[in-house]
Amino acid sequence: MRLLATAACMTALAVGAPAFAQLDGNALRSPLAESAGPGKQRPREAAARESRPKPNVAPGEAARRASREYGGRVLNVVLEDGPGGPYYRVKLLDGGRVRVVHVEARH
């Protein structure tokens, strides 16, 4: 019985071997995987990014505004893109507590 099962497995492997031998590296790539990655953007996303308004407030100015209005020491300033346009996310340290405020990046 074992001999029969072994012979059946060997036959299946021998028959399937040529199919695997014909595959090359390009056969395993998919169109979705081709367009993925940090350097590749979809055309619609790139066009939408180009049409968004650019910030005209410098990060330093956003930090000064946040510190003046809320008090504290500026820890970090990051430009973000929201549905209403670009804004700066400013982290402030005041009295041992961290506060995050948003400052518009356009006048």
C-alpha atoms as a PDB file:
ATOM      1  CA  MET A   1       0.000   0.000   0.000  1.00  0.00           C
ATOM      2  CA  ARG A   2       2.840   2.418   0.873  1.00  0.00           C
ATOM      3  CA  LEU A   3       4.558   1.646  -2.393  1.00  0.00           C
ATOM      4  CA  LEU A   4       1.414   2.481  -4.333  1.00  0.00           C
ATOM      5  CA  ALA A   5       0.966   5.823  -2.496  1.00  0.00           C
ATOM      6  CA  THR A   6       4.629   6.712  -3.022  1.00  0.00           C
ATOM      7  CA  ALA A   7       4.398   5.894  -6.720  1.00  0.00           C
ATOM      8  CA  ALA A   8       1.263   8.056  -7.068  1.00  0.00           C
ATOM      9  CA  CYS A   9       2.991  11.019  -5.379  1.00  0.00           C
ATOM     10  CA  MET A  10       6.088  10.662  -7.523  1.00  0.00           C
ATOM     11  CA  THR A  11       3.961  10.562 -10.683  1.00  0.00           C
ATOM     12  CA  ALA A  12       2.084  13.695  -9.622  1.00  0.00           C
ATOM     13  CA  LEU A  13       5.335  15.514  -8.917  1.00  0.00           C
ATOM     14  CA  ALA A  14       6.849  14.445 -12.218  1.00  0.00           C
ATOM     15  CA  VAL A  15       3.801  15.594 -14.158  1.00  0.00           C
ATOM     16  CA  GLY A  16       3.660  18.935 -12.310  1.00  0.00           C
ATOM     17  CA  ALA A  17       7.378  19.687 -12.613  1.00  0.00           C
ATOM     18  CA  PRO A  18       7.370  21.032 -16.192  1.00  0.00           C
ATOM     19  CA  ALA A  19       4.595  23.513 -15.331  1.00  0.00           C
ATOM     20  CA  PHE A  20       6.701  24.985 -12.523  1.00  0.00           C
ATOM     21  CA  ALA A  21       9.820  25.053 -14.649  1.00  0.00           C
ATOM     22  CA  GLN A  22       8.112  27.318 -17.207  1.00  0.00           C
ATOM     23  CA  LEU A  23       7.354  30.074 -14.682  1.00  0.00           C
ATOM     24  CA  ASP A  24       9.718  32.986 -14.569  1.00  0.00           C
ATOM     25  CA  GLY A  25       9.910  35.963 -12.194  1.00  0.00           C
ATOM     26  CA  ASN A  26       7.597  38.112 -14.361  1.00  0.00           C
ATOM     27  CA  ALA A  27       4.767  35.565 -14.218  1.00  0.00           C
ATOM     28  CA  LEU A  28       4.392  36.138 -10.480  1.00  0.00           C
ATOM     29  CA  ARG A  29       3.994  39.926 -10.695  1.00  0.00           C
ATOM     30  CA  SER A  30       0.558  41.455 -10.656  1.00  0.00           C
ATOM     31  CA  PRO A  31      -0.506  44.880 -11.993  1.00  0.00           C
ATOM     32  CA  LEU A  32      -1.453  45.979  -8.482  1.00  0.00           C
ATOM     33  CA  ALA A  33       1.982  45.137  -7.121  1.00  0.00           C
ATOM     34  CA  GLU A  34       3.631  46.994 -10.006  1.00  0.00           C
ATOM     35  CA  SER A  35       1.952  50.297  -9.144  1.00  0.00           C
ATOM     36  CA  ALA A  36       2.555  50.047  -5.406  1.00  0.00           C
ATOM     37  CA  GLY A  37       5.464  51.634  -3.636  1.00  0.00           C
ATOM     38  CA  PRO A  38       6.644  54.980  -2.371  1.00  0.00           C
ATOM     39  CA  GLY A  39       7.852  56.257  -5.732  1.00  0.00           C
ATOM     40  CA  LYS A  40       4.734  55.344  -7.675  1.00  0.00           C
ATOM     41  CA  GLN A  41       1.544  57.383  -7.395  1.00  0.00           C
ATOM     42  CA  ARG A  42      -1.681  56.847  -9.214  1.00  0.00           C
ATOM     43  CA  PRO A  43      -2.372  59.580 -11.785  1.00  0.00           C
ATOM     44  CA  ARG A  44      -5.563  60.717 -10.051  1.00  0.00           C
ATOM     45  CA  GLU A  45      -3.796  61.093  -6.688  1.00  0.00           C
ATOM     46  CA  ALA A  46      -0.947  63.033  -8.272  1.00  0.00           C
ATOM     47  CA  ALA A  47      -3.380  65.389 -10.023  1.00  0.00           C
ATOM     48  CA  ALA A  48      -5.340  65.939  -6.804  1.00  0.00           C
ATOM     49  CA  ARG A  49      -2.125  66.680  -4.922  1.00  0.00           C
ATOM     50  CA  GLU A  50      -1.116  69.277  -7.543  1.00  0.00           C
ATOM     51  CA  SER A  51      -4.464  71.108  -7.352  1.00  0.00           C
ATOM     52  CA  ARG A  52      -4.421  71.481  -3.551  1.00  0.00           C
ATOM     53  CA  PRO A  53      -3.539  74.910  -2.178  1.00  0.00           C
ATOM     54  CA  LYS A  54       0.058  75.363  -1.091  1.00  0.00           C
ATOM     55  CA  PRO A  55       0.868  76.666   2.400  1.00  0.00           C
ATOM     56  CA  ASN A  56       1.962  80.306   2.527  1.00  0.00           C
ATOM     57  CA  VAL A  57       2.707  80.372   6.276  1.00  0.00           C
ATOM     58  CA  ALA A  58       6.180  79.248   7.344  1.00  0.00           C
ATOM     59  CA  PRO A  59       6.522  76.580  10.058  1.00  0.00           C
ATOM     60  CA  GLY A  60       8.314  79.084  12.308  1.00  0.00           C
ATOM     61  CA  GLU A  61       5.422  81.524  12.029  1.00  0.00           C
ATOM     62  CA  ALA A  62       2.956  78.765  12.894  1.00  0.00           C
ATOM     63  CA  ALA A  63       5.064  77.900  15.963  1.00  0.00           C
ATOM     64  CA  ARG A  64       5.124  81.547  17.080  1.00  0.00           C
ATOM     65  CA  ARG A  65       1.362  81.896  16.646  1.00  0.00           C
ATOM     66  CA  ALA A  66       0.641  78.732  18.638  1.00  0.00           C
ATOM     67  CA  SER A  67       3.046  79.642  21.437  1.00  0.00           C
ATOM     68  CA  ARG A  68       1.696  83.184  21.651  1.00  0.00           C
ATOM     69  CA  GLU A  69      -1.959  82.063  21.730  1.00  0.00           C
ATOM     70  CA  TYR A  70      -1.704  78.977  23.950  1.00  0.00           C
ATOM     71  CA  GLY A  71       1.597  79.464  25.800  1.00  0.00           C
ATOM     72  CA  GLY A  72       4.278  76.875  26.360  1.00  0.00           C
ATOM     73  CA  ARG A  73       7.372  75.684  24.569  1.00  0.00           C
ATOM     74  CA  VAL A  74       7.137  74.372  20.999  1.00  0.00           C
ATOM     75  CA  LEU A  75       8.160  70.737  20.692  1.00  0.00           C
ATOM     76  CA  ASN A  76       7.272  69.937  17.104  1.00  0.00           C
ATOM     77  CA  VAL A  77       5.673  71.457  13.988  1.00  0.00           C
ATOM     78  CA  VAL A  78       4.336  69.199  11.208  1.00  0.00           C
ATOM     79  CA  LEU A  79       2.566  70.208   7.999  1.00  0.00           C
ATOM     80  CA  GLU A  80      -0.618  68.168   7.489  1.00  0.00           C
ATOM     81  CA  ASP A  81      -3.137  68.087   4.659  1.00  0.00           C
ATOM     82  CA  GLY A  82      -6.753  68.166   5.771  1.00  0.00           C
ATOM     83  CA  PRO A  83     -10.072  68.364   3.958  1.00  0.00           C
ATOM     84  CA  GLY A  84     -10.167  72.139   4.523  1.00  0.00           C
ATOM     85  CA  GLY A  85      -6.650  72.666   3.227  1.00  0.00           C
ATOM     86  CA  PRO A  86      -3.158  72.500   4.698  1.00  0.00           C
ATOM     87  CA  TYR A  87      -2.530  73.157   8.394  1.00  0.00           C
ATOM     88  CA  TYR A  88       0.300  72.814  10.888  1.00  0.00           C
ATOM     89  CA  ARG A  89       0.025  70.433  13.815  1.00  0.00           C
ATOM     90  CA  VAL A  90       2.001  72.095  16.617  1.00  0.00           C
ATOM     91  CA  LYS A  91       2.943  70.298  19.841  1.00  0.00           C
ATOM     92  CA  LEU A  92       3.408  72.531  22.881  1.00  0.00           C
ATOM     93  CA  LEU A  93       4.778  71.687  26.331  1.00  0.00           C
ATOM     94  CA  ASP A  94       3.187  73.737  29.100  1.00  0.00           C
ATOM     95  CA  GLY A  95       3.433  72.869  32.777  1.00  0.00           C
ATOM     96  CA  GLY A  96       4.469  69.268  32.126  1.00  0.00           C
ATOM     97  CA  ARG A  97       1.515  68.656  29.783  1.00  0.00           C
ATOM     98  CA  VAL A  98       1.684  68.280  26.018  1.00  0.00           C
ATOM     99  CA  ARG A  99      -0.950  70.100  24.012  1.00  0.00           C
ATOM    100  CA  VAL A 100      -1.503  69.665  20.268  1.00  0.00           C
ATOM    101  CA  VAL A 101      -2.985  72.613  18.376  1.00  0.00           C
ATOM    102  CA  HIS A 102      -3.727  73.211  14.715  1.00  0.00           C
ATOM    103  CA  VAL A 103      -2.677  76.387  12.930  1.00  0.00           C
ATOM    104  CA  GLU A 104      -3.900  77.169   9.421  1.00  0.00           C
ATOM    105  CA  ALA A 105      -1.097  77.134   6.874  1.00  0.00           C
ATOM    106  CA  ARG A 106      -2.763  79.732   4.648  1.00  0.00           C
ATOM    107  CA  HIS A 107      -3.637  83.374   5.348  1.00  0.00           C
END
